[in-house]
Amino acid sequence: MSEFDPALAFDLAAHGPALAVGVLLSLFAFVPLFLAVVPVLRRVSDASMTKGMVGVGASFVILFVGVVVVHLLAPGALVAFVAGELIGFFIGWIGLAIAVLAKTD
């Protein structure tokens, strides 16, 4: 086994802001998906494949543009930013799952 390399350590002070921005951006990217699902849960409209795919596409574009911008402006923070995006997107999915499970008929 090799020794611990401090250069590979995650420094929260250095990477925390990128992580936080990634979480916030991914929660913002989850908004189009919520906008497609909430009217269906409220029974205001029927489910629409088009609206769902537009929501998925818009979320992907927001996430991808965020990755490109961070890669161009601060490439050293890219891994922390993408980790934040993943964490935030999972939080969004958990929130959506809770909303669907809490929906009573």
PDB file of N, CA and C in Angstrom:
ATOM      1  N   MET A   1       0.835  -1.179   0.000  1.00  0.00           N
ATOM      2  CA  MET A   1       0.000   0.000   0.000  1.00  0.00           C
ATOM      3  C   MET A   1       0.879   1.241   0.000  1.00  0.00           C
ATOM      4  N   SER A   2       0.382   2.258  -0.621  1.00  0.00           N
ATOM      5  CA  SER A   2       1.141   3.502  -0.683  1.00  0.00           C
ATOM      6  C   SER A   2       0.755   4.411   0.476  1.00  0.00           C
ATOM      7  N   GLU A   3       1.591   5.387   0.708  1.00  0.00           N
ATOM      8  CA  GLU A   3       1.329   6.345   1.782  1.00  0.00           C
ATOM      9  C   GLU A   3       0.288   7.366   1.338  1.00  0.00           C
ATOM     10  N   PHE A   4      -0.266   8.037   2.320  1.00  0.00           N
ATOM     11  CA  PHE A   4      -1.257   9.077   2.055  1.00  0.00           C
ATOM     12  C   PHE A   4      -0.602  10.257   1.360  1.00  0.00           C
ATOM     13  N   ASP A   5      -1.208  10.712   0.276  1.00  0.00           N
ATOM     14  CA  ASP A   5      -0.690  11.848  -0.465  1.00  0.00           C
ATOM     15  C   ASP A   5      -1.533  13.074  -0.124  1.00  0.00           C
ATOM     16  N   PRO A   6      -0.981  14.048   0.619  1.00  0.00           N
ATOM     17  CA  PRO A   6      -1.778  15.219   1.006  1.00  0.00           C
ATOM     18  C   PRO A   6      -2.217  16.063  -0.180  1.00  0.00           C
ATOM     19  N   ALA A   7      -1.562  15.921  -1.318  1.00  0.00           N
ATOM     20  CA  ALA A   7      -1.970  16.688  -2.494  1.00  0.00           C
ATOM     21  C   ALA A   7      -3.324  16.212  -3.024  1.00  0.00           C
ATOM     22  N   LEU A   8      -3.699  14.980  -2.712  1.00  0.00           N
ATOM     23  CA  LEU A   8      -4.967  14.436  -3.176  1.00  0.00           C
ATOM     24  C   LEU A   8      -6.092  14.625  -2.165  1.00  0.00           C
ATOM     25  N   ALA A   9      -5.805  15.196  -1.028  1.00  0.00           N
ATOM     26  CA  ALA A   9      -6.810  15.377   0.020  1.00  0.00           C
ATOM     27  C   ALA A   9      -7.829  16.429  -0.391  1.00  0.00           C
ATOM     28  N   PHE A  10      -9.041  16.240   0.077  1.00  0.00           N
ATOM     29  CA  PHE A  10     -10.109  17.198  -0.183  1.00  0.00           C
ATOM     30  C   PHE A  10     -10.059  18.273   0.882  1.00  0.00           C
ATOM     31  N   ASP A  11      -9.810  19.495   0.483  1.00  0.00           N
ATOM     32  CA  ASP A  11      -9.742  20.619   1.410  1.00  0.00           C
ATOM     33  C   ASP A  11     -11.070  21.365   1.359  1.00  0.00           C
ATOM     34  N   LEU A  12     -11.852  21.257   2.428  1.00  0.00           N
ATOM     35  CA  LEU A  12     -13.172  21.860   2.436  1.00  0.00           C
ATOM     36  C   LEU A  12     -13.115  23.373   2.286  1.00  0.00           C
ATOM     37  N   ALA A  13     -12.102  24.000   2.855  1.00  0.00           N
ATOM     38  CA  ALA A  13     -11.986  25.455   2.734  1.00  0.00           C
ATOM     39  C   ALA A  13     -11.759  25.864   1.277  1.00  0.00           C
ATOM     40  N   ALA A  14     -11.001  25.072   0.542  1.00  0.00           N
ATOM     41  CA  ALA A  14     -10.707  25.408  -0.844  1.00  0.00           C
ATOM     42  C   ALA A  14     -11.815  24.956  -1.795  1.00  0.00           C
ATOM     43  N   HIS A  15     -12.413  23.802  -1.519  1.00  0.00           N
ATOM     44  CA  HIS A  15     -13.398  23.235  -2.438  1.00  0.00           C
ATOM     45  C   HIS A  15     -14.843  23.427  -1.987  1.00  0.00           C
ATOM     46  N   GLY A  16     -15.040  23.889  -0.764  1.00  0.00           N
ATOM     47  CA  GLY A  16     -16.396  24.077  -0.250  1.00  0.00           C
ATOM     48  C   GLY A  16     -17.252  25.022  -1.070  1.00  0.00           C
ATOM     49  N   PRO A  17     -16.721  26.191  -1.473  1.00  0.00           N
ATOM     50  CA  PRO A  17     -17.550  27.082  -2.295  1.00  0.00           C
ATOM     51  C   PRO A  17     -17.978  26.451  -3.624  1.00  0.00           C
ATOM     52  N   ALA A  18     -17.072  25.743  -4.282  1.00  0.00           N
ATOM     53  CA  ALA A  18     -17.432  25.087  -5.542  1.00  0.00           C
ATOM     54  C   ALA A  18     -18.482  24.009  -5.303  1.00  0.00           C
ATOM     55  N   LEU A  19     -18.352  23.286  -4.203  1.00  0.00           N
ATOM     56  CA  LEU A  19     -19.322  22.262  -3.845  1.00  0.00           C
ATOM     57  C   LEU A  19     -20.693  22.893  -3.601  1.00  0.00           C
ATOM     58  N   ALA A  20     -20.714  23.995  -2.856  1.00  0.00           N
ATOM     59  CA  ALA A  20     -21.978  24.678  -2.548  1.00  0.00           C
ATOM     60  C   ALA A  20     -22.629  25.248  -3.806  1.00  0.00           C
ATOM     61  N   VAL A  21     -21.833  25.831  -4.678  1.00  0.00           N
ATOM     62  CA  VAL A  21     -22.380  26.380  -5.928  1.00  0.00           C
ATOM     63  C   VAL A  21     -22.937  25.254  -6.793  1.00  0.00           C
ATOM     64  N   GLY A  22     -22.261  24.108  -6.809  1.00  0.00           N
ATOM     65  CA  GLY A  22     -22.769  22.959  -7.559  1.00  0.00           C
ATOM     66  C   GLY A  22     -24.101  22.468  -7.030  1.00  0.00           C
ATOM     67  N   VAL A  23     -24.242  22.433  -5.707  1.00  0.00           N
ATOM     68  CA  VAL A  23     -25.519  22.019  -5.106  1.00  0.00           C
ATOM     69  C   VAL A  23     -26.620  23.015  -5.476  1.00  0.00           C
ATOM     70  N   LEU A  24     -26.338  24.305  -5.355  1.00  0.00           N
ATOM     71  CA  LEU A  24     -27.350  25.321  -5.669  1.00  0.00           C
ATOM     72  C   LEU A  24     -27.747  25.292  -7.139  1.00  0.00           C
ATOM     73  N   LEU A  25     -26.763  25.149  -8.017  1.00  0.00           N
ATOM     74  CA  LEU A  25     -27.080  25.113  -9.447  1.00  0.00           C
ATOM     75  C   LEU A  25     -27.907  23.886  -9.791  1.00  0.00           C
ATOM     76  N   SER A  26     -27.590  22.754  -9.191  1.00  0.00           N
ATOM     77  CA  SER A  26     -28.351  21.548  -9.519  1.00  0.00           C
ATOM     78  C   SER A  26     -29.772  21.617  -8.969  1.00  0.00           C
ATOM     79  N   LEU A  27     -29.956  22.257  -7.827  1.00  0.00           N
ATOM     80  CA  LEU A  27     -31.325  22.446  -7.335  1.00  0.00           C
ATOM     81  C   LEU A  27     -32.106  23.374  -8.262  1.00  0.00           C
ATOM     82  N   PHE A  28     -31.416  24.401  -8.790  1.00  0.00           N
ATOM     83  CA  PHE A  28     -32.042  25.276  -9.778  1.00  0.00           C
ATOM     84  C   PHE A  28     -32.341  24.499 -11.056  1.00  0.00           C
ATOM     85  N   ALA A  29     -31.458  23.588 -11.442  1.00  0.00           N
ATOM     86  CA  ALA A  29     -31.667  22.789 -12.650  1.00  0.00           C
ATOM     87  C   ALA A  29     -32.814  21.813 -12.481  1.00  0.00           C
ATOM     88  N   PHE A  30     -33.183  21.512 -11.260  1.00  0.00           N
ATOM     89  CA  PHE A  30     -34.283  20.580 -11.015  1.00  0.00           C
ATOM     90  C   PHE A  30     -35.645  21.254 -11.157  1.00  0.00           C
ATOM     91  N   VAL A  31     -35.676  22.573 -11.183  1.00  0.00           N
ATOM     92  CA  VAL A  31     -36.942  23.309 -11.273  1.00  0.00           C
ATOM     93  C   VAL A  31     -37.762  22.921 -12.513  1.00  0.00           C
ATOM     94  N   PRO A  32     -37.163  22.814 -13.723  1.00  0.00           N
ATOM     95  CA  PRO A  32     -37.995  22.415 -14.872  1.00  0.00           C
ATOM     96  C   PRO A  32     -38.658  21.050 -14.698  1.00  0.00           C
ATOM     97  N   LEU A  33     -38.012  20.142 -14.012  1.00  0.00           N
ATOM     98  CA  LEU A  33     -38.634  18.841 -13.770  1.00  0.00           C
ATOM     99  C   LEU A  33     -39.812  18.967 -12.806  1.00  0.00           C
ATOM    100  N   PHE A  34     -39.635  19.784 -11.776  1.00  0.00           N
ATOM    101  CA  PHE A  34     -40.747  20.031 -10.856  1.00  0.00           C
ATOM    102  C   PHE A  34     -41.920  20.682 -11.583  1.00  0.00           C
ATOM    103  N   LEU A  35     -41.620  21.628 -12.481  1.00  0.00           N
ATOM    104  CA  LEU A  35     -42.691  22.298 -13.215  1.00  0.00           C
ATOM    105  C   LEU A  35     -43.451  21.340 -14.127  1.00  0.00           C
ATOM    106  N   ALA A  36     -42.811  20.291 -14.576  1.00  0.00           N
ATOM    107  CA  ALA A  36     -43.488  19.300 -15.403  1.00  0.00           C
ATOM    108  C   ALA A  36     -44.308  18.323 -14.569  1.00  0.00           C
ATOM    109  N   VAL A  37     -43.893  18.053 -13.330  1.00  0.00           N
ATOM    110  CA  VAL A  37     -44.542  17.023 -12.522  1.00  0.00           C
ATOM    111  C   VAL A  37     -45.635  17.578 -11.602  1.00  0.00           C
ATOM    112  N   VAL A  38     -45.437  18.754 -11.065  1.00  0.00           N
ATOM    113  CA  VAL A  38     -46.377  19.293 -10.071  1.00  0.00           C
ATOM    114  C   VAL A  38     -47.800  19.428 -10.613  1.00  0.00           C
ATOM    115  N   PRO A  39     -48.028  19.942 -11.841  1.00  0.00           N
ATOM    116  CA  PRO A  39     -49.418  19.993 -12.322  1.00  0.00           C
ATOM    117  C   PRO A  39     -50.073  18.615 -12.437  1.00  0.00           C
ATOM    118  N   VAL A  40     -49.285  17.599 -12.724  1.00  0.00           N
ATOM    119  CA  VAL A  40     -49.831  16.244 -12.802  1.00  0.00           C
ATOM    120  C   VAL A  40     -50.217  15.763 -11.407  1.00  0.00           C
ATOM    121  N   LEU A  41     -49.371  16.050 -10.413  1.00  0.00           N
ATOM    122  CA  LEU A  41     -49.692  15.638  -9.044  1.00  0.00           C
ATOM    123  C   LEU A  41     -50.910  16.365  -8.505  1.00  0.00           C
ATOM    124  N   ARG A  42     -51.088  17.601  -8.910  1.00  0.00           N
ATOM    125  CA  ARG A  42     -52.254  18.381  -8.460  1.00  0.00           C
ATOM    126  C   ARG A  42     -53.505  18.097  -9.288  1.00  0.00           C
ATOM    127  N   ARG A  43     -53.362  17.229 -10.268  1.00  0.00           N
ATOM    128  CA  ARG A  43     -54.452  16.868 -11.175  1.00  0.00           C
ATOM    129  C   ARG A  43     -54.974  18.057 -11.967  1.00  0.00           C
ATOM    130  N   VAL A  44     -54.114  19.028 -12.215  1.00  0.00           N
ATOM    131  CA  VAL A  44     -54.476  20.187 -13.032  1.00  0.00           C
ATOM    132  C   VAL A  44     -54.362  19.835 -14.514  1.00  0.00           C
ATOM    133  N   SER A  45     -53.398  18.982 -14.855  1.00  0.00           N
ATOM    134  CA  SER A  45     -53.229  18.551 -16.239  1.00  0.00           C
ATOM    135  C   SER A  45     -52.815  17.087 -16.267  1.00  0.00           C
ATOM    136  N   ASP A  46     -52.970  16.508 -17.445  1.00  0.00           N
ATOM    137  CA  ASP A  46     -52.553  15.122 -17.633  1.00  0.00           C
ATOM    138  C   ASP A  46     -51.051  15.063 -17.861  1.00  0.00           C
ATOM    139  N   ALA A  47     -50.500  13.884 -17.648  1.00  0.00           N
ATOM    140  CA  ALA A  47     -49.077  13.690 -17.892  1.00  0.00           C
ATOM    141  C   ALA A  47     -48.790  13.867 -19.377  1.00  0.00           C
ATOM    142  N   SER A  48     -47.675  14.525 -19.673  1.00  0.00           N
ATOM    143  CA  SER A  48     -47.305  14.787 -21.054  1.00  0.00           C
ATOM    144  C   SER A  48     -45.844  14.398 -21.253  1.00  0.00           C
ATOM    145  N   MET A  49     -45.611  13.518 -22.207  1.00  0.00           N
ATOM    146  CA  MET A  49     -44.247  13.104 -22.510  1.00  0.00           C
ATOM    147  C   MET A  49     -43.435  14.301 -23.006  1.00  0.00           C
ATOM    148  N   THR A  50     -44.056  15.184 -23.752  1.00  0.00           N
ATOM    149  CA  THR A  50     -43.348  16.354 -24.286  1.00  0.00           C
ATOM    150  C   THR A  50     -42.885  17.266 -23.154  1.00  0.00           C
ATOM    151  N   LYS A  51     -43.785  17.554 -22.221  1.00  0.00           N
ATOM    152  CA  LYS A  51     -43.395  18.418 -21.100  1.00  0.00           C
ATOM    153  C   LYS A  51     -42.308  17.774 -20.258  1.00  0.00           C
ATOM    154  N   GLY A  52     -42.409  16.485 -20.045  1.00  0.00           N
ATOM    155  CA  GLY A  52     -41.395  15.781 -19.270  1.00  0.00           C
ATOM    156  C   GLY A  52     -40.035  15.807 -19.950  1.00  0.00           C
ATOM    157  N   MET A  53     -40.006  15.574 -21.234  1.00  0.00           N
ATOM    158  CA  MET A  53     -38.737  15.583 -21.968  1.00  0.00           C
ATOM    159  C   MET A  53     -38.157  16.985 -22.061  1.00  0.00           C
ATOM    160  N   VAL A  54     -38.993  17.995 -22.189  1.00  0.00           N
ATOM    161  CA  VAL A  54     -38.504  19.380 -22.181  1.00  0.00           C
ATOM    162  C   VAL A  54     -37.893  19.694 -20.813  1.00  0.00           C
ATOM    163  N   GLY A  55     -38.529  19.228 -19.745  1.00  0.00           N
ATOM    164  CA  GLY A  55     -37.978  19.427 -18.404  1.00  0.00           C
ATOM    165  C   GLY A  55     -36.636  18.738 -18.228  1.00  0.00           C
ATOM    166  N   VAL A  56     -36.520  17.514 -18.714  1.00  0.00           N
ATOM    167  CA  VAL A  56     -35.254  16.787 -18.627  1.00  0.00           C
ATOM    168  C   VAL A  56     -34.187  17.495 -19.455  1.00  0.00           C
ATOM    169  N   GLY A  57     -34.547  17.922 -20.661  1.00  0.00           N
ATOM    170  CA  GLY A  57     -33.590  18.614 -21.530  1.00  0.00           C
ATOM    171  C   GLY A  57     -33.125  19.934 -20.941  1.00  0.00           C
ATOM    172  N   ALA A  58     -34.060  20.704 -20.379  1.00  0.00           N
ATOM    173  CA  ALA A  58     -33.687  21.980 -19.771  1.00  0.00           C
ATOM    174  C   ALA A  58     -32.768  21.760 -18.575  1.00  0.00           C
ATOM    175  N   SER A  59     -33.052  20.754 -17.780  1.00  0.00           N
ATOM    176  CA  SER A  59     -32.186  20.446 -16.638  1.00  0.00           C
ATOM    177  C   SER A  59     -30.790  20.065 -17.103  1.00  0.00           C
ATOM    178  N   PHE A  60     -30.722  19.242 -18.135  1.00  0.00           N
ATOM    179  CA  PHE A  60     -29.426  18.835 -18.664  1.00  0.00           C
ATOM    180  C   PHE A  60     -28.639  20.039 -19.177  1.00  0.00           C
ATOM    181  N   VAL A  61     -29.304  20.931 -19.884  1.00  0.00           N
ATOM    182  CA  VAL A  61     -28.613  22.115 -20.419  1.00  0.00           C
ATOM    183  C   VAL A  61     -28.068  22.976 -19.283  1.00  0.00           C
ATOM    184  N   ILE A  62     -28.843  23.190 -18.250  1.00  0.00           N
ATOM    185  CA  ILE A  62     -28.390  23.996 -17.114  1.00  0.00           C
ATOM    186  C   ILE A  62     -27.176  23.353 -16.457  1.00  0.00           C
ATOM    187  N   LEU A  63     -27.237  22.049 -16.222  1.00  0.00           N
ATOM    188  CA  LEU A  63     -26.117  21.350 -15.596  1.00  0.00           C
ATOM    189  C   LEU A  63     -24.874  21.372 -16.486  1.00  0.00           C
ATOM    190  N   PHE A  64     -25.056  21.147 -17.779  1.00  0.00           N
ATOM    191  CA  PHE A  64     -23.930  21.108 -18.704  1.00  0.00           C
ATOM    192  C   PHE A  64     -23.279  22.480 -18.849  1.00  0.00           C
ATOM    193  N   VAL A  65     -24.076  23.527 -18.949  1.00  0.00           N
ATOM    194  CA  VAL A  65     -23.518  24.878 -19.051  1.00  0.00           C
ATOM    195  C   VAL A  65     -22.735  25.212 -17.782  1.00  0.00           C
ATOM    196  N   GLY A  66     -23.241  24.795 -16.621  1.00  0.00           N
ATOM    197  CA  GLY A  66     -22.508  25.007 -15.380  1.00  0.00           C
ATOM    198  C   GLY A  66     -21.154  24.330 -15.394  1.00  0.00           C
ATOM    199  N   VAL A  67     -21.098  23.096 -15.883  1.00  0.00           N
ATOM    200  CA  VAL A  67     -19.825  22.365 -15.951  1.00  0.00           C
ATOM    201  C   VAL A  67     -18.862  23.064 -16.910  1.00  0.00           C
ATOM    202  N   VAL A  68     -19.357  23.498 -18.052  1.00  0.00           N
ATOM    203  CA  VAL A  68     -18.491  24.175 -19.028  1.00  0.00           C
ATOM    204  C   VAL A  68     -17.943  25.481 -18.453  1.00  0.00           C
ATOM    205  N   VAL A  69     -18.792  26.248 -17.796  1.00  0.00           N
ATOM    206  CA  VAL A  69     -18.350  27.530 -17.228  1.00  0.00           C
ATOM    207  C   VAL A  69     -17.293  27.298 -16.154  1.00  0.00           C
ATOM    208  N   VAL A  70     -17.517  26.346 -15.276  1.00  0.00           N
ATOM    209  CA  VAL A  70     -16.531  26.062 -14.225  1.00  0.00           C
ATOM    210  C   VAL A  70     -15.242  25.532 -14.840  1.00  0.00           C
ATOM    211  N   HIS A  71     -15.345  24.710 -15.863  1.00  0.00           N
ATOM    212  CA  HIS A  71     -14.147  24.193 -16.522  1.00  0.00           C
ATOM    213  C   HIS A  71     -13.329  25.326 -17.143  1.00  0.00           C
ATOM    214  N   LEU A  72     -13.988  26.318 -17.693  1.00  0.00           N
ATOM    215  CA  LEU A  72     -13.280  27.430 -18.320  1.00  0.00           C
ATOM    216  C   LEU A  72     -12.729  28.422 -17.300  1.00  0.00           C
ATOM    217  N   LEU A  73     -13.472  28.669 -16.225  1.00  0.00           N
ATOM    218  CA  LEU A  73     -13.074  29.698 -15.262  1.00  0.00           C
ATOM    219  C   LEU A  73     -12.213  29.165 -14.119  1.00  0.00           C
ATOM    220  N   ALA A  74     -12.510  27.967 -13.646  1.00  0.00           N
ATOM    221  CA  ALA A  74     -11.779  27.416 -12.491  1.00  0.00           C
ATOM    222  C   ALA A  74     -11.657  25.906 -12.632  1.00  0.00           C
ATOM    223  N   PRO A  75     -10.777  25.438 -13.507  1.00  0.00           N
ATOM    224  CA  PRO A  75     -10.700  23.989 -13.746  1.00  0.00           C
ATOM    225  C   PRO A  75     -10.294  23.182 -12.512  1.00  0.00           C
ATOM    226  N   GLY A  76      -9.616  23.793 -11.568  1.00  0.00           N
ATOM    227  CA  GLY A  76      -9.233  23.080 -10.357  1.00  0.00           C
ATOM    228  C   GLY A  76     -10.403  22.776  -9.442  1.00  0.00           C
ATOM    229  N   ALA A  77     -11.504  23.474  -9.630  1.00  0.00           N
ATOM    230  CA  ALA A  77     -12.681  23.280  -8.795  1.00  0.00           C
ATOM    231  C   ALA A  77     -13.730  22.400  -9.464  1.00  0.00           C
ATOM    232  N   LEU A  78     -13.406  21.857 -10.633  1.00  0.00           N
ATOM    233  CA  LEU A  78     -14.408  21.125 -11.404  1.00  0.00           C
ATOM    234  C   LEU A  78     -14.913  19.876 -10.692  1.00  0.00           C
ATOM    235  N   VAL A  79     -14.028  19.116 -10.078  1.00  0.00           N
ATOM    236  CA  VAL A  79     -14.454  17.877  -9.418  1.00  0.00           C
ATOM    237  C   VAL A  79     -15.386  18.185  -8.246  1.00  0.00           C
ATOM    238  N   ALA A  80     -15.043  19.189  -7.450  1.00  0.00           N
ATOM    239  CA  ALA A  80     -15.909  19.567  -6.327  1.00  0.00           C
ATOM    240  C   ALA A  80     -17.245  20.100  -6.830  1.00  0.00           C
ATOM    241  N   PHE A  81     -17.229  20.858  -7.916  1.00  0.00           N
ATOM    242  CA  PHE A  81     -18.461  21.405  -8.483  1.00  0.00           C
ATOM    243  C   PHE A  81     -19.377  20.280  -8.970  1.00  0.00           C
ATOM    244  N   VAL A  82     -18.819  19.324  -9.698  1.00  0.00           N
ATOM    245  CA  VAL A  82     -19.621  18.201 -10.206  1.00  0.00           C
ATOM    246  C   VAL A  82     -20.138  17.350  -9.045  1.00  0.00           C
ATOM    247  N   ALA A  83     -19.327  17.171  -8.009  1.00  0.00           N
ATOM    248  CA  ALA A  83     -19.808  16.452  -6.822  1.00  0.00           C
ATOM    249  C   ALA A  83     -20.986  17.194  -6.198  1.00  0.00           C
ATOM    250  N   GLY A  84     -20.897  18.507  -6.133  1.00  0.00           N
ATOM    251  CA  GLY A  84     -22.010  19.307  -5.626  1.00  0.00           C
ATOM    252  C   GLY A  84     -23.241  19.181  -6.496  1.00  0.00           C
ATOM    253  N   GLU A  85     -23.046  19.157  -7.819  1.00  0.00           N
ATOM    254  CA  GLU A  85     -24.187  18.971  -8.719  1.00  0.00           C
ATOM    255  C   GLU A  85     -24.864  17.625  -8.468  1.00  0.00           C
ATOM    256  N   LEU A  86     -24.078  16.592  -8.291  1.00  0.00           N
ATOM    257  CA  LEU A  86     -24.656  15.267  -8.033  1.00  0.00           C
ATOM    258  C   LEU A  86     -25.415  15.244  -6.716  1.00  0.00           C
ATOM    259  N   ILE A  87     -24.837  15.831  -5.688  1.00  0.00           N
ATOM    260  CA  ILE A  87     -25.499  15.871  -4.383  1.00  0.00           C
ATOM    261  C   ILE A  87     -26.814  16.637  -4.474  1.00  0.00           C
ATOM    262  N   GLY A  88     -26.779  17.796  -5.093  1.00  0.00           N
ATOM    263  CA  GLY A  88     -27.994  18.607  -5.223  1.00  0.00           C
ATOM    264  C   GLY A  88     -29.059  17.928  -6.063  1.00  0.00           C
ATOM    265  N   PHE A  89     -28.649  17.258  -7.135  1.00  0.00           N
ATOM    266  CA  PHE A  89     -29.633  16.595  -7.984  1.00  0.00           C
ATOM    267  C   PHE A  89     -30.273  15.418  -7.252  1.00  0.00           C
ATOM    268  N   PHE A  90     -29.493  14.692  -6.451  1.00  0.00           N
ATOM    269  CA  PHE A  90     -30.080  13.617  -5.646  1.00  0.00           C
ATOM    270  C   PHE A  90     -31.038  14.184  -4.603  1.00  0.00           C
ATOM    271  N   ILE A  91     -30.715  15.330  -4.029  1.00  0.00           N
ATOM    272  CA  ILE A  91     -31.639  15.985  -3.094  1.00  0.00           C
ATOM    273  C   ILE A  91     -32.941  16.327  -3.806  1.00  0.00           C
ATOM    274  N   GLY A  92     -32.840  16.823  -5.030  1.00  0.00           N
ATOM    275  CA  GLY A  92     -34.044  17.127  -5.811  1.00  0.00           C
ATOM    276  C   GLY A  92     -34.874  15.888  -6.085  1.00  0.00           C
ATOM    277  N   TRP A  93     -34.214  14.785  -6.459  1.00  0.00           N
ATOM    278  CA  TRP A  93     -34.947  13.544  -6.709  1.00  0.00           C
ATOM    279  C   TRP A  93     -35.610  13.030  -5.441  1.00  0.00           C
ATOM    280  N   ILE A  94     -34.920  13.138  -4.320  1.00  0.00           N
ATOM    281  CA  ILE A  94     -35.514  12.705  -3.050  1.00  0.00           C
ATOM    282  C   ILE A  94     -36.727  13.567  -2.718  1.00  0.00           C
ATOM    283  N   GLY A  95     -36.607  14.880  -2.928  1.00  0.00           N
ATOM    284  CA  GLY A  95     -37.749  15.767  -2.697  1.00  0.00           C
ATOM    285  C   GLY A  95     -38.929  15.424  -3.583  1.00  0.00           C
ATOM    286  N   LEU A  96     -38.658  15.129  -4.848  1.00  0.00           N
ATOM    287  CA  LEU A  96     -39.730  14.748  -5.761  1.00  0.00           C
ATOM    288  C   LEU A  96     -40.349  13.419  -5.353  1.00  0.00           C
ATOM    289  N   ALA A  97     -39.532  12.464  -4.942  1.00  0.00           N
ATOM    290  CA  ALA A  97     -40.053  11.171  -4.497  1.00  0.00           C
ATOM    291  C   ALA A  97     -40.928  11.332  -3.260  1.00  0.00           C
ATOM    292  N   ILE A  98     -40.515  12.182  -2.341  1.00  0.00           N
ATOM    293  CA  ILE A  98     -41.319  12.427  -1.141  1.00  0.00           C
ATOM    294  C   ILE A  98     -42.640  13.080  -1.521  1.00  0.00           C
ATOM    295  N   ALA A  99     -42.605  14.022  -2.480  1.00  0.00           N
ATOM    296  CA  ALA A  99     -43.836  14.675  -2.921  1.00  0.00           C
ATOM    297  C   ALA A  99     -44.789  13.671  -3.557  1.00  0.00           C
ATOM    298  N   VAL A 100     -44.267  12.749  -4.344  1.00  0.00           N
ATOM    299  CA  VAL A 100     -45.114  11.742  -4.986  1.00  0.00           C
ATOM    300  C   VAL A 100     -45.668  10.773  -3.948  1.00  0.00           C
ATOM    301  N   LEU A 101     -44.817  10.349  -3.002  1.00  0.00           N
ATOM    302  CA  LEU A 101     -45.291   9.426  -1.977  1.00  0.00           C
ATOM    303  C   LEU A 101     -46.287  10.074  -1.022  1.00  0.00           C
ATOM    304  N   ALA A 102     -46.131  11.369  -0.774  1.00  0.00           N
ATOM    305  CA  ALA A 102     -47.032  12.070   0.142  1.00  0.00           C
ATOM    306  C   ALA A 102     -48.364  12.408  -0.509  1.00  0.00           C
ATOM    307  N   LYS A 103     -48.426  12.301  -1.825  1.00  0.00           N
ATOM    308  CA  LYS A 103     -49.662  12.618  -2.535  1.00  0.00           C
ATOM    309  C   LYS A 103     -50.712  11.577  -2.171  1.00  0.00           C
ATOM    310  N   THR A 104     -51.801  12.048  -1.612  1.00  0.00           N
ATOM    311  CA  THR A 104     -52.878  11.141  -1.232  1.00  0.00           C
ATOM    312  C   THR A 104     -54.021  11.298  -2.216  1.00  0.00           C
ATOM    313  N   ASP A 105     -54.606  10.200  -2.572  1.00  0.00           N
ATOM    314  CA  ASP A 105     -55.736  10.238  -3.518  1.00  0.00           C
ATOM    315  C   ASP A 105     -57.044  10.251  -2.806  1.00  0.00           C
TER     316      ASP A 105
END
